[in-house]
């Protein structure tokens, strides 16, 4: 499985990437929305972990820009949960919403993996 992690917070990005690689997945990383959008278009990942708030291009805008081209499962993430929840994430086109900080990163990877493989 190919996974793309788009997050401007290096610790979050690297931690998710490490947890995904530990499960044997190929992982691509982007530190911002514009870079992430380009990787998403060129690499067609199976799963994308996408941060909501980033300085250059936010997660919802990336989804909007790729509307109609997306085949990936999307996990939207944010430390700012005030305006975001699962219903809001789904209305944007995401499959799952996860608030940050994470309690158990390995559990998050397993839940996200289940989205793709349909378990």
PDB file of N, CA and C in Angstrom:
ATOM      1  N   UNK A   1       0.843  -1.172   0.000  1.00  0.00           N
ATOM      2  CA  UNK A   1       0.000   0.000   0.000  1.00  0.00           C
ATOM      3  C   UNK A   1       0.891   1.238   0.000  1.00  0.00           C
ATOM      4  N   UNK A   2       0.480   2.233  -0.768  1.00  0.00           N
ATOM      5  CA  UNK A   2       1.208   3.499  -0.844  1.00  0.00           C
ATOM      6  C   UNK A   2       0.450   4.552  -0.040  1.00  0.00           C
ATOM      7  N   UNK A   3       1.162   5.189   0.886  1.00  0.00           N
ATOM      8  CA  UNK A   3       0.560   6.179   1.775  1.00  0.00           C
ATOM      9  C   UNK A   3       1.282   7.514   1.626  1.00  0.00           C
ATOM     10  N   UNK A   4       0.497   8.583   1.583  1.00  0.00           N
ATOM     11  CA  UNK A   4       1.024   9.938   1.542  1.00  0.00           C
ATOM     12  C   UNK A   4       0.647  10.647   2.836  1.00  0.00           C
ATOM     13  N   UNK A   5       1.630  11.219   3.498  1.00  0.00           N
ATOM     14  CA  UNK A   5       1.406  11.985   4.724  1.00  0.00           C
ATOM     15  C   UNK A   5       1.696  13.449   4.410  1.00  0.00           C
ATOM     16  N   UNK A   6       0.658  14.293   4.526  1.00  0.00           N
ATOM     17  CA  UNK A   6       0.797  15.726   4.264  1.00  0.00           C
ATOM     18  C   UNK A   6       0.533  16.477   5.570  1.00  0.00           C
ATOM     19  N   UNK A   7       1.599  17.014   6.149  1.00  0.00           N
ATOM     20  CA  UNK A   7       1.475  17.735   7.422  1.00  0.00           C
ATOM     21  C   UNK A   7       2.672  18.655   7.582  1.00  0.00           C
ATOM     22  N   UNK A   8       2.426  19.895   7.959  1.00  0.00           N
ATOM     23  CA  UNK A   8       3.515  20.845   8.147  1.00  0.00           C
ATOM     24  C   UNK A   8       4.243  20.645   9.469  1.00  0.00           C
ATOM     25  N   UNK A   9       3.656  19.883  10.388  1.00  0.00           N
ATOM     26  CA  UNK A   9       4.317  19.581  11.659  1.00  0.00           C
ATOM     27  C   UNK A   9       5.226  18.372  11.453  1.00  0.00           C
ATOM     28  N   UNK A  10       6.531  18.621  11.487  1.00  0.00           N
ATOM     29  CA  UNK A  10       7.497  17.563  11.194  1.00  0.00           C
ATOM     30  C   UNK A  10       7.354  16.358  12.116  1.00  0.00           C
ATOM     31  N   UNK A  11       7.147  16.591  13.400  1.00  0.00           N
ATOM     32  CA  UNK A  11       7.033  15.481  14.344  1.00  0.00           C
ATOM     33  C   UNK A  11       5.843  14.579  13.993  1.00  0.00           C
ATOM     34  N   UNK A  12       4.706  15.169  13.673  1.00  0.00           N
ATOM     35  CA  UNK A  12       3.520  14.392  13.303  1.00  0.00           C
ATOM     36  C   UNK A  12       3.780  13.632  12.008  1.00  0.00           C
ATOM     37  N   UNK A  13       4.312  14.334  11.021  1.00  0.00           N
ATOM     38  CA  UNK A  13       4.578  13.725   9.709  1.00  0.00           C
ATOM     39  C   UNK A  13       5.546  12.546   9.830  1.00  0.00           C
ATOM     40  N   UNK A  14       6.651  12.766  10.507  1.00  0.00           N
ATOM     41  CA  UNK A  14       7.670  11.720  10.648  1.00  0.00           C
ATOM     42  C   UNK A  14       7.156  10.540  11.476  1.00  0.00           C
ATOM     43  N   UNK A  15       6.388  10.833  12.521  1.00  0.00           N
ATOM     44  CA  UNK A  15       5.848   9.760  13.365  1.00  0.00           C
ATOM     45  C   UNK A  15       4.864   8.884  12.595  1.00  0.00           C
ATOM     46  N   UNK A  16       3.968   9.515  11.849  1.00  0.00           N
ATOM     47  CA  UNK A  16       3.021   8.744  11.034  1.00  0.00           C
ATOM     48  C   UNK A  16       3.753   7.925   9.972  1.00  0.00           C
ATOM     49  N   UNK A  17       4.727   8.551   9.335  1.00  0.00           N
ATOM     50  CA  UNK A  17       5.496   7.849   8.304  1.00  0.00           C
ATOM     51  C   UNK A  17       6.209   6.644   8.899  1.00  0.00           C
ATOM     52  N   UNK A  18       6.813   6.807  10.048  1.00  0.00           N
ATOM     53  CA  UNK A  18       7.524   5.705  10.709  1.00  0.00           C
ATOM     54  C   UNK A  18       6.569   4.577  11.073  1.00  0.00           C
ATOM     55  N   UNK A  19       5.409   4.919  11.612  1.00  0.00           N
ATOM     56  CA  UNK A  19       4.429   3.895  11.989  1.00  0.00           C
ATOM     57  C   UNK A  19       3.918   3.142  10.757  1.00  0.00           C
ATOM     58  N   UNK A  20       3.744   3.850   9.659  1.00  0.00           N
ATOM     59  CA  UNK A  20       3.283   3.206   8.415  1.00  0.00           C
ATOM     60  C   UNK A  20       4.372   2.305   7.826  1.00  0.00           C
ATOM     61  N   UNK A  21       5.602   2.785   7.842  1.00  0.00           N
ATOM     62  CA  UNK A  21       6.714   1.970   7.327  1.00  0.00           C
ATOM     63  C   UNK A  21       6.902   0.709   8.173  1.00  0.00           C
ATOM     64  N   UNK A  22       6.644   0.819   9.472  1.00  0.00           N
ATOM     65  CA  UNK A  22       6.765  -0.340  10.357  1.00  0.00           C
ATOM     66  C   UNK A  22       5.779  -1.437   9.970  1.00  0.00           C
ATOM     67  N   UNK A  23       4.688  -1.065   9.312  1.00  0.00           N
ATOM     68  CA  UNK A  23       3.698  -2.041   8.845  1.00  0.00           C
ATOM     69  C   UNK A  23       3.979  -2.478   7.405  1.00  0.00           C
ATOM     70  N   UNK A  24       5.105  -2.011   6.861  1.00  0.00           N
ATOM     71  CA  UNK A  24       5.533  -2.447   5.546  1.00  0.00           C
ATOM     72  C   UNK A  24       5.006  -1.636   4.378  1.00  0.00           C
ATOM     73  N   UNK A  25       4.469  -0.446   4.646  1.00  0.00           N
ATOM     74  CA  UNK A  25       3.901   0.373   3.580  1.00  0.00           C
ATOM     75  C   UNK A  25       4.949   1.297   2.970  1.00  0.00           C
ATOM     76  N   UNK A  26       4.734   1.626   1.710  1.00  0.00           N
ATOM     77  CA  UNK A  26       5.542   2.641   1.045  1.00  0.00           C
ATOM     78  C   UNK A  26       4.964   3.987   1.471  1.00  0.00           C
ATOM     79  N   UNK A  27       5.824   4.908   1.906  1.00  0.00           N
ATOM     80  CA  UNK A  27       5.346   6.183   2.430  1.00  0.00           C
ATOM     81  C   UNK A  27       6.018   7.357   1.718  1.00  0.00           C
ATOM     82  N   UNK A  28       5.183   8.309   1.322  1.00  0.00           N
ATOM     83  CA  UNK A  28       5.643   9.575   0.761  1.00  0.00           C
ATOM     84  C   UNK A  28       5.288  10.658   1.770  1.00  0.00           C
ATOM     85  N   UNK A  29       6.119  11.688   1.861  1.00  0.00           N
ATOM     86  CA  UNK A  29       5.870  12.763   2.816  1.00  0.00           C
ATOM     87  C   UNK A  29       5.888  14.120   2.127  1.00  0.00           C
ATOM     88  N   UNK A  30       4.997  14.991   2.582  1.00  0.00           N
ATOM     89  CA  UNK A  30       4.969  16.371   2.102  1.00  0.00           C
ATOM     90  C   UNK A  30       4.799  17.287   3.305  1.00  0.00           C
ATOM     91  N   UNK A  31       5.560  18.384   3.320  1.00  0.00           N
ATOM     92  CA  UNK A  31       5.517  19.297   4.461  1.00  0.00           C
ATOM     93  C   UNK A  31       4.535  20.446   4.281  1.00  0.00           C
ATOM     94  N   UNK A  32       3.778  20.414   3.183  1.00  0.00           N
ATOM     95  CA  UNK A  32       2.781  21.452   2.954  1.00  0.00           C
ATOM     96  C   UNK A  32       1.761  21.009   1.927  1.00  0.00           C
ATOM     97  N   UNK A  33       0.697  21.781   1.827  1.00  0.00           N
ATOM     98  CA  UNK A  33      -0.396  21.427   0.944  1.00  0.00           C
ATOM     99  C   UNK A  33      -0.047  21.417  -0.530  1.00  0.00           C
ATOM    100  N   UNK A  34       0.715  22.410  -0.985  1.00  0.00           N
ATOM    101  CA  UNK A  34       1.069  22.482  -2.406  1.00  0.00           C
ATOM    102  C   UNK A  34       1.945  21.303  -2.813  1.00  0.00           C
ATOM    103  N   UNK A  35       2.954  21.013  -2.001  1.00  0.00           N
ATOM    104  CA  UNK A  35       3.829  19.866  -2.259  1.00  0.00           C
ATOM    105  C   UNK A  35       3.025  18.566  -2.193  1.00  0.00           C
ATOM    106  N   UNK A  36       2.139  18.490  -1.208  1.00  0.00           N
ATOM    107  CA  UNK A  36       1.301  17.297  -1.052  1.00  0.00           C
ATOM    108  C   UNK A  36       0.374  17.086  -2.226  1.00  0.00           C
ATOM    109  N   UNK A  37      -0.227  18.172  -2.716  1.00  0.00           N
ATOM    110  CA  UNK A  37      -1.132  18.073  -3.854  1.00  0.00           C
ATOM    111  C   UNK A  37      -0.388  17.537  -5.083  1.00  0.00           C
ATOM    112  N   UNK A  38       0.812  18.035  -5.303  1.00  0.00           N
ATOM    113  CA  UNK A  38       1.610  17.582  -6.449  1.00  0.00           C
ATOM    114  C   UNK A  38       1.959  16.095  -6.324  1.00  0.00           C
ATOM    115  N   UNK A  39       2.384  15.674  -5.143  1.00  0.00           N
ATOM    116  CA  UNK A  39       2.691  14.260  -4.924  1.00  0.00           C
ATOM    117  C   UNK A  39       1.443  13.398  -5.112  1.00  0.00           C
ATOM    118  N   UNK A  40       0.327  13.881  -4.593  1.00  0.00           N
ATOM    119  CA  UNK A  40      -0.942  13.149  -4.687  1.00  0.00           C
ATOM    120  C   UNK A  40      -1.310  12.919  -6.149  1.00  0.00           C
ATOM    121  N   UNK A  41      -1.193  13.976  -6.951  1.00  0.00           N
ATOM    122  CA  UNK A  41      -1.527  13.871  -8.378  1.00  0.00           C
ATOM    123  C   UNK A  41      -0.582  12.928  -9.117  1.00  0.00           C
ATOM    124  N   UNK A  42       0.702  12.983  -8.787  1.00  0.00           N
ATOM    125  CA  UNK A  42       1.709  12.209  -9.520  1.00  0.00           C
ATOM    126  C   UNK A  42       1.867  10.773  -9.042  1.00  0.00           C
ATOM    127  N   UNK A  43       1.569  10.511  -7.775  1.00  0.00           N
ATOM    128  CA  UNK A  43       1.852   9.202  -7.187  1.00  0.00           C
ATOM    129  C   UNK A  43       0.625   8.326  -6.943  1.00  0.00           C
ATOM    130  N   UNK A  44      -0.569   8.890  -6.983  1.00  0.00           N
ATOM    131  CA  UNK A  44      -1.819   8.148  -6.755  1.00  0.00           C
ATOM    132  C   UNK A  44      -1.750   7.207  -5.551  1.00  0.00           C
ATOM    133  N   UNK A  45      -1.582   7.771  -4.361  1.00  0.00           N
ATOM    134  CA  UNK A  45      -1.510   6.916  -3.170  1.00  0.00           C
ATOM    135  C   UNK A  45      -2.855   6.249  -2.874  1.00  0.00           C
ATOM    136  N   UNK A  46      -2.790   5.145  -2.131  1.00  0.00           N
ATOM    137  CA  UNK A  46      -4.005   4.445  -1.713  1.00  0.00           C
ATOM    138  C   UNK A  46      -4.672   5.163  -0.546  1.00  0.00           C
ATOM    139  N   UNK A  47      -3.844   5.807   0.271  1.00  0.00           N
ATOM    140  CA  UNK A  47      -4.311   6.451   1.493  1.00  0.00           C
ATOM    141  C   UNK A  47      -3.543   7.750   1.704  1.00  0.00           C
ATOM    142  N   UNK A  48      -4.269   8.794   2.145  1.00  0.00           N
ATOM    143  CA  UNK A  48      -3.626  10.081   2.417  1.00  0.00           C
ATOM    144  C   UNK A  48      -4.012  10.547   3.820  1.00  0.00           C
ATOM    145  N   UNK A  49      -2.990  10.814   4.636  1.00  0.00           N
ATOM    146  CA  UNK A  49      -3.184  11.496   5.914  1.00  0.00           C
ATOM    147  C   UNK A  49      -2.984  12.969   5.607  1.00  0.00           C
ATOM    148  N   UNK A  50      -4.015  13.789   5.831  1.00  0.00           N
ATOM    149  CA  UNK A  50      -4.003  15.181   5.411  1.00  0.00           C
ATOM    150  C   UNK A  50      -4.346  16.114   6.565  1.00  0.00           C
ATOM    151  N   UNK A  51      -3.406  17.007   6.882  1.00  0.00           N
ATOM    152  CA  UNK A  51      -3.629  17.994   7.934  1.00  0.00           C
ATOM    153  C   UNK A  51      -4.594  19.066   7.421  1.00  0.00           C
ATOM    154  N   UNK A  52      -5.419  19.596   8.291  1.00  0.00           N
ATOM    155  CA  UNK A  52      -6.369  20.642   7.911  1.00  0.00           C
ATOM    156  C   UNK A  52      -5.657  21.977   7.748  1.00  0.00           C
ATOM    157  N   UNK A  53      -4.960  22.418   8.786  1.00  0.00           N
ATOM    158  CA  UNK A  53      -4.360  23.750   8.778  1.00  0.00           C
ATOM    159  C   UNK A  53      -2.875  23.690   8.450  1.00  0.00           C
ATOM    160  N   UNK A  54      -2.526  24.265   7.306  1.00  0.00           N
ATOM    161  CA  UNK A  54      -1.128  24.377   6.889  1.00  0.00           C
ATOM    162  C   UNK A  54      -0.951  25.776   6.309  1.00  0.00           C
ATOM    163  N   UNK A  55       0.242  26.334   6.415  1.00  0.00           N
ATOM    164  CA  UNK A  55       0.425  27.724   6.002  1.00  0.00           C
ATOM    165  C   UNK A  55       0.268  27.993   4.506  1.00  0.00           C
ATOM    166  N   UNK A  56       0.650  27.084   3.648  1.00  0.00           N
ATOM    167  CA  UNK A  56       0.620  27.406   2.219  1.00  0.00           C
ATOM    168  C   UNK A  56      -0.703  27.052   1.541  1.00  0.00           C
ATOM    169  N   UNK A  57      -1.226  25.889   1.779  1.00  0.00           N
ATOM    170  CA  UNK A  57      -2.467  25.432   1.156  1.00  0.00           C
ATOM    171  C   UNK A  57      -3.113  24.462   2.137  1.00  0.00           C
ATOM    172  N   UNK A  58      -4.302  24.796   2.646  1.00  0.00           N
ATOM    173  CA  UNK A  58      -4.877  23.948   3.676  1.00  0.00           C
ATOM    174  C   UNK A  58      -5.467  22.655   3.100  1.00  0.00           C
ATOM    175  N   UNK A  59      -5.679  21.686   3.984  1.00  0.00           N
ATOM    176  CA  UNK A  59      -6.172  20.378   3.574  1.00  0.00           C
ATOM    177  C   UNK A  59      -7.477  20.407   2.794  1.00  0.00           C
ATOM    178  N   UNK A  60      -8.509  21.110   3.278  1.00  0.00           N
ATOM    179  CA  UNK A  60      -9.760  21.177   2.522  1.00  0.00           C
ATOM    180  C   UNK A  60      -9.579  21.743   1.110  1.00  0.00           C
ATOM    181  N   UNK A  61      -8.677  22.708   0.953  1.00  0.00           N
ATOM    182  CA  UNK A  61      -8.424  23.287  -0.369  1.00  0.00           C
ATOM    183  C   UNK A  61      -7.735  22.269  -1.289  1.00  0.00           C
ATOM    184  N   UNK A  62      -6.841  21.477  -0.726  1.00  0.00           N
ATOM    185  CA  UNK A  62      -6.184  20.424  -1.509  1.00  0.00           C
ATOM    186  C   UNK A  62      -7.245  19.444  -2.029  1.00  0.00           C
ATOM    187  N   UNK A  63      -8.164  19.040  -1.153  1.00  0.00           N
ATOM    188  CA  UNK A  63      -9.232  18.125  -1.564  1.00  0.00           C
ATOM    189  C   UNK A  63     -10.074  18.775  -2.664  1.00  0.00           C
ATOM    190  N   UNK A  64     -10.423  20.037  -2.464  1.00  0.00           N
ATOM    191  CA  UNK A  64     -11.229  20.757  -3.456  1.00  0.00           C
ATOM    192  C   UNK A  64     -10.510  20.821  -4.814  1.00  0.00           C
ATOM    193  N   UNK A  65      -9.214  21.112  -4.780  1.00  0.00           N
ATOM    194  CA  UNK A  65      -8.433  21.212  -6.017  1.00  0.00           C
ATOM    195  C   UNK A  65      -8.357  19.894  -6.774  1.00  0.00           C
ATOM    196  N   UNK A  66      -8.432  18.797  -6.048  1.00  0.00           N
ATOM    197  CA  UNK A  66      -8.315  17.472  -6.669  1.00  0.00           C
ATOM    198  C   UNK A  66      -9.671  16.799  -6.891  1.00  0.00           C
ATOM    199  N   UNK A  67     -10.745  17.531  -6.647  1.00  0.00           N
ATOM    200  CA  UNK A  67     -12.095  16.985  -6.799  1.00  0.00           C
ATOM    201  C   UNK A  67     -12.241  16.316  -8.162  1.00  0.00           C
ATOM    202  N   UNK A  68     -12.770  15.102  -8.151  1.00  0.00           N
ATOM    203  CA  UNK A  68     -12.979  14.359  -9.386  1.00  0.00           C
ATOM    204  C   UNK A  68     -11.778  13.537  -9.810  1.00  0.00           C
ATOM    205  N   UNK A  69     -10.626  13.778  -9.201  1.00  0.00           N
ATOM    206  CA  UNK A  69      -9.409  13.039  -9.532  1.00  0.00           C
ATOM    207  C   UNK A  69      -8.990  12.101  -8.399  1.00  0.00           C
ATOM    208  N   UNK A  70      -9.693  12.158  -7.284  1.00  0.00           N
ATOM    209  CA  UNK A  70      -9.283  11.434  -6.081  1.00  0.00           C
ATOM    210  C   UNK A  70      -9.820  10.003  -6.089  1.00  0.00           C
ATOM    211  N   UNK A  71      -8.906   9.066  -5.921  1.00  0.00           N
ATOM    212  CA  UNK A  71      -9.294   7.664  -5.725  1.00  0.00           C
ATOM    213  C   UNK A  71      -8.797   7.168  -4.371  1.00  0.00           C
ATOM    214  N   UNK A  72      -8.034   7.995  -3.686  1.00  0.00           N
ATOM    215  CA  UNK A  72      -7.441   7.635  -2.397  1.00  0.00           C
ATOM    216  C   UNK A  72      -8.472   7.732  -1.280  1.00  0.00           C
ATOM    217  N   UNK A  73      -8.255   6.957  -0.234  1.00  0.00           N
ATOM    218  CA  UNK A  73      -8.974   7.151   1.021  1.00  0.00           C
ATOM    219  C   UNK A  73      -8.275   8.299   1.741  1.00  0.00           C
ATOM    220  N   UNK A  74      -9.056   9.144   2.403  1.00  0.00           N
ATOM    221  CA  UNK A  74      -8.502  10.353   3.020  1.00  0.00           C
ATOM    222  C   UNK A  74      -8.797  10.369   4.517  1.00  0.00           C
ATOM    223  N   UNK A  75      -7.730  10.560   5.299  1.00  0.00           N
ATOM    224  CA  UNK A  75      -7.856  10.753   6.741  1.00  0.00           C
ATOM    225  C   UNK A  75      -7.480  12.196   7.015  1.00  0.00           C
ATOM    226  N   UNK A  76      -8.472  13.006   7.361  1.00  0.00           N
ATOM    227  CA  UNK A  76      -8.259  14.416   7.685  1.00  0.00           C
ATOM    228  C   UNK A  76      -7.870  14.522   9.156  1.00  0.00           C
ATOM    229  N   UNK A  77      -6.857  15.336   9.457  1.00  0.00           N
ATOM    230  CA  UNK A  77      -6.358  15.461  10.826  1.00  0.00           C
ATOM    231  C   UNK A  77      -6.269  16.932  11.205  1.00  0.00           C
ATOM    232  N   UNK A  78      -6.547  17.223  12.479  1.00  0.00           N
ATOM    233  CA  UNK A  78      -6.397  18.600  12.930  1.00  0.00           C
ATOM    234  C   UNK A  78      -6.304  18.688  14.445  1.00  0.00           C
ATOM    235  N   UNK A  79      -5.467  19.605  14.894  1.00  0.00           N
ATOM    236  CA  UNK A  79      -5.412  19.920  16.322  1.00  0.00           C
ATOM    237  C   UNK A  79      -6.544  20.880  16.665  1.00  0.00           C
ATOM    238  N   UNK A  80      -7.031  21.587  15.642  1.00  0.00           N
ATOM    239  CA  UNK A  80      -8.143  22.514  15.831  1.00  0.00           C
ATOM    240  C   UNK A  80      -9.434  21.765  15.525  1.00  0.00           C
ATOM    241  N   UNK A  81     -10.061  21.223  16.549  1.00  0.00           N
ATOM    242  CA  UNK A  81     -11.253  20.411  16.330  1.00  0.00           C
ATOM    243  C   UNK A  81     -12.533  21.220  16.421  1.00  0.00           C
ATOM    244  N   UNK A  82     -12.440  22.500  16.754  1.00  0.00           N
ATOM    245  CA  UNK A  82     -13.631  23.318  16.916  1.00  0.00           C
ATOM    246  C   UNK A  82     -14.566  23.284  15.726  1.00  0.00           C
ATOM    247  N   UNK A  83     -14.032  23.405  14.519  1.00  0.00           N
ATOM    248  CA  UNK A  83     -14.882  23.420  13.339  1.00  0.00           C
ATOM    249  C   UNK A  83     -14.870  22.122  12.569  1.00  0.00           C
ATOM    250  N   UNK A  84     -14.156  21.125  13.081  1.00  0.00           N
ATOM    251  CA  UNK A  84     -14.016  19.876  12.340  1.00  0.00           C
ATOM    252  C   UNK A  84     -14.407  18.684  13.179  1.00  0.00           C
ATOM    253  N   UNK A  85     -15.131  17.775  12.544  1.00  0.00           N
ATOM    254  CA  UNK A  85     -15.484  16.501  13.126  1.00  0.00           C
ATOM    255  C   UNK A  85     -15.684  15.545  11.953  1.00  0.00           C
ATOM    256  N   UNK A  86     -16.148  14.335  12.224  1.00  0.00           N
ATOM    257  CA  UNK A  86     -16.304  13.351  11.161  1.00  0.00           C
ATOM    258  C   UNK A  86     -17.299  13.810  10.099  1.00  0.00           C
ATOM    259  N   UNK A  87     -18.407  14.412  10.519  1.00  0.00           N
ATOM    260  CA  UNK A  87     -19.406  14.874   9.548  1.00  0.00           C
ATOM    261  C   UNK A  87     -18.839  15.959   8.634  1.00  0.00           C
ATOM    262  N   UNK A  88     -18.121  16.906   9.208  1.00  0.00           N
ATOM    263  CA  UNK A  88     -17.505  17.976   8.415  1.00  0.00           C
ATOM    264  C   UNK A  88     -16.455  17.383   7.467  1.00  0.00           C
ATOM    265  N   UNK A  89     -15.652  16.460   7.974  1.00  0.00           N
ATOM    266  CA  UNK A  89     -14.621  15.824   7.146  1.00  0.00           C
ATOM    267  C   UNK A  89     -15.255  15.106   5.959  1.00  0.00           C
ATOM    268  N   UNK A  90     -16.330  14.374   6.219  1.00  0.00           N
ATOM    269  CA  UNK A  90     -17.011  13.645   5.140  1.00  0.00           C
ATOM    270  C   UNK A  90     -17.627  14.610   4.126  1.00  0.00           C
ATOM    271  N   UNK A  91     -18.129  15.737   4.603  1.00  0.00           N
ATOM    272  CA  UNK A  91     -18.711  16.718   3.678  1.00  0.00           C
ATOM    273  C   UNK A  91     -17.646  17.306   2.749  1.00  0.00           C
ATOM    274  N   UNK A  92     -16.397  17.280   3.190  1.00  0.00           N
ATOM    275  CA  UNK A  92     -15.285  17.776   2.380  1.00  0.00           C
ATOM    276  C   UNK A  92     -14.743  16.706   1.428  1.00  0.00           C
ATOM    277  N   UNK A  93     -15.120  15.444   1.685  1.00  0.00           N
ATOM    278  CA  UNK A  93     -14.638  14.359   0.840  1.00  0.00           C
ATOM    279  C   UNK A  93     -13.707  13.394   1.543  1.00  0.00           C
ATOM    280  N   UNK A  94     -13.468  13.608   2.830  1.00  0.00           N
ATOM    281  CA  UNK A  94     -12.596  12.707   3.588  1.00  0.00           C
ATOM    282  C   UNK A  94     -13.396  11.496   4.085  1.00  0.00           C
ATOM    283  N   UNK A  95     -12.679  10.451   4.421  1.00  0.00           N
ATOM    284  CA  UNK A  95     -13.304   9.217   4.903  1.00  0.00           C
ATOM    285  C   UNK A  95     -13.280   9.107   6.419  1.00  0.00           C
ATOM    286  N   UNK A  96     -12.357   9.844   7.052  1.00  0.00           N
ATOM    287  CA  UNK A  96     -12.172   9.739   8.491  1.00  0.00           C
ATOM    288  C   UNK A  96     -11.603  11.053   9.003  1.00  0.00           C
ATOM    289  N   UNK A  97     -11.953  11.421  10.240  1.00  0.00           N
ATOM    290  CA  UNK A  97     -11.359  12.585  10.886  1.00  0.00           C
ATOM    291  C   UNK A  97     -10.704  12.134  12.172  1.00  0.00           C
ATOM    292  N   UNK A  98      -9.457  12.561  12.383  1.00  0.00           N
ATOM    293  CA  UNK A  98      -8.731  12.214  13.604  1.00  0.00           C
ATOM    294  C   UNK A  98      -8.202  13.500  14.234  1.00  0.00           C
ATOM    295  N   UNK A  99      -8.588  13.760  15.497  1.00  0.00           N
ATOM    296  CA  UNK A  99      -8.051  14.935  16.187  1.00  0.00           C
ATOM    297  C   UNK A  99      -6.600  14.690  16.624  1.00  0.00           C
ATOM    298  N   UNK A 100      -5.825  15.761  16.616  1.00  0.00           N
ATOM    299  CA  UNK A 100      -4.454  15.684  17.125  1.00  0.00           C
ATOM    300  C   UNK A 100      -4.446  16.386  18.477  1.00  0.00           C
ATOM    301  N   UNK A 101      -3.583  16.018  19.388  1.00  0.00           N
ATOM    302  CA  UNK A 101      -2.552  14.987  19.281  1.00  0.00           C
ATOM    303  C   UNK A 101      -3.140  13.578  19.342  1.00  0.00           C
ATOM    304  N   UNK A 102      -2.400  12.648  18.782  1.00  0.00           N
ATOM    305  CA  UNK A 102      -2.846  11.253  18.746  1.00  0.00           C
ATOM    306  C   UNK A 102      -2.591  10.573  20.077  1.00  0.00           C
ATOM    307  N   UNK A 103      -3.515   9.693  20.431  1.00  0.00           N
ATOM    308  CA  UNK A 103      -3.321   8.885  21.638  1.00  0.00           C
ATOM    309  C   UNK A 103      -2.447   7.671  21.323  1.00  0.00           C
ATOM    310  N   UNK A 104      -2.769   6.980  20.217  1.00  0.00           N
ATOM    311  CA  UNK A 104      -2.038   5.775  19.845  1.00  0.00           C
ATOM    312  C   UNK A 104      -1.843   5.778  18.331  1.00  0.00           C
ATOM    313  N   UNK A 105      -0.676   6.158  17.882  1.00  0.00           N
ATOM    314  CA  UNK A 105      -0.425   6.319  16.455  1.00  0.00           C
ATOM    315  C   UNK A 105      -0.550   4.997  15.691  1.00  0.00           C
ATOM    316  N   UNK A 106      -0.180   3.890  16.328  1.00  0.00           N
ATOM    317  CA  UNK A 106      -0.262   2.592  15.652  1.00  0.00           C
ATOM    318  C   UNK A 106      -1.718   2.175  15.445  1.00  0.00           C
ATOM    319  N   UNK A 107      -2.567   2.523  16.392  1.00  0.00           N
ATOM    320  CA  UNK A 107      -3.999   2.247  16.254  1.00  0.00           C
ATOM    321  C   UNK A 107      -4.592   3.069  15.107  1.00  0.00           C
ATOM    322  N   UNK A 108      -4.154   4.298  14.972  1.00  0.00           N
ATOM    323  CA  UNK A 108      -4.617   5.164  13.884  1.00  0.00           C
ATOM    324  C   UNK A 108      -4.234   4.577  12.533  1.00  0.00           C
ATOM    325  N   UNK A 109      -3.015   4.092  12.426  1.00  0.00           N
ATOM    326  CA  UNK A 109      -2.562   3.473  11.179  1.00  0.00           C
ATOM    327  C   UNK A 109      -3.401   2.234  10.872  1.00  0.00           C
ATOM    328  N   UNK A 110      -3.714   1.433  11.880  1.00  0.00           N
ATOM    329  CA  UNK A 110      -4.542   0.244  11.663  1.00  0.00           C
ATOM    330  C   UNK A 110      -5.952   0.609  11.200  1.00  0.00           C
ATOM    331  N   UNK A 111      -6.551   1.617  11.806  1.00  0.00           N
ATOM    332  CA  UNK A 111      -7.895   2.060  11.421  1.00  0.00           C
ATOM    333  C   UNK A 111      -7.871   2.588   9.989  1.00  0.00           C
ATOM    334  N   UNK A 112      -6.849   3.372   9.665  1.00  0.00           N
ATOM    335  CA  UNK A 112      -6.725   3.911   8.313  1.00  0.00           C
ATOM    336  C   UNK A 112      -6.507   2.789   7.297  1.00  0.00           C
ATOM    337  N   UNK A 113      -5.697   1.820   7.649  1.00  0.00           N
ATOM    338  CA  UNK A 113      -5.456   0.679   6.766  1.00  0.00           C
ATOM    339  C   UNK A 113      -6.756  -0.070   6.484  1.00  0.00           C
ATOM    340  N   UNK A 114      -7.587  -0.204   7.503  1.00  0.00           N
ATOM    341  CA  UNK A 114      -8.869  -0.892   7.336  1.00  0.00           C
ATOM    342  C   UNK A 114      -9.779  -0.156   6.353  1.00  0.00           C
ATOM    343  N   UNK A 115      -9.652   1.163   6.266  1.00  0.00           N
ATOM    344  CA  UNK A 115     -10.419   1.931   5.273  1.00  0.00           C
ATOM    345  C   UNK A 115     -10.098   1.467   3.865  1.00  0.00           C
ATOM    346  N   UNK A 116      -8.824   1.194   3.621  1.00  0.00           N
ATOM    347  CA  UNK A 116      -8.364   0.839   2.290  1.00  0.00           C
ATOM    348  C   UNK A 116      -8.674  -0.613   1.941  1.00  0.00           C
ATOM    349  N   UNK A 117      -8.380  -1.502   2.883  1.00  0.00           N
ATOM    350  CA  UNK A 117      -8.555  -2.933   2.593  1.00  0.00           C
ATOM    351  C   UNK A 117      -9.975  -3.418   2.877  1.00  0.00           C
ATOM    352  N   UNK A 118     -10.789  -2.542   3.462  1.00  0.00           N
ATOM    353  CA  UNK A 118     -12.192  -2.877   3.682  1.00  0.00           C
ATOM    354  C   UNK A 118     -12.477  -3.837   4.795  1.00  0.00           C
ATOM    355  N   UNK A 119     -11.661  -3.825   5.835  1.00  0.00           N
ATOM    356  CA  UNK A 119     -11.892  -4.717   6.987  1.00  0.00           C
ATOM    357  C   UNK A 119     -12.803  -4.064   7.986  1.00  0.00           C
TER     358      UNK A 119
END
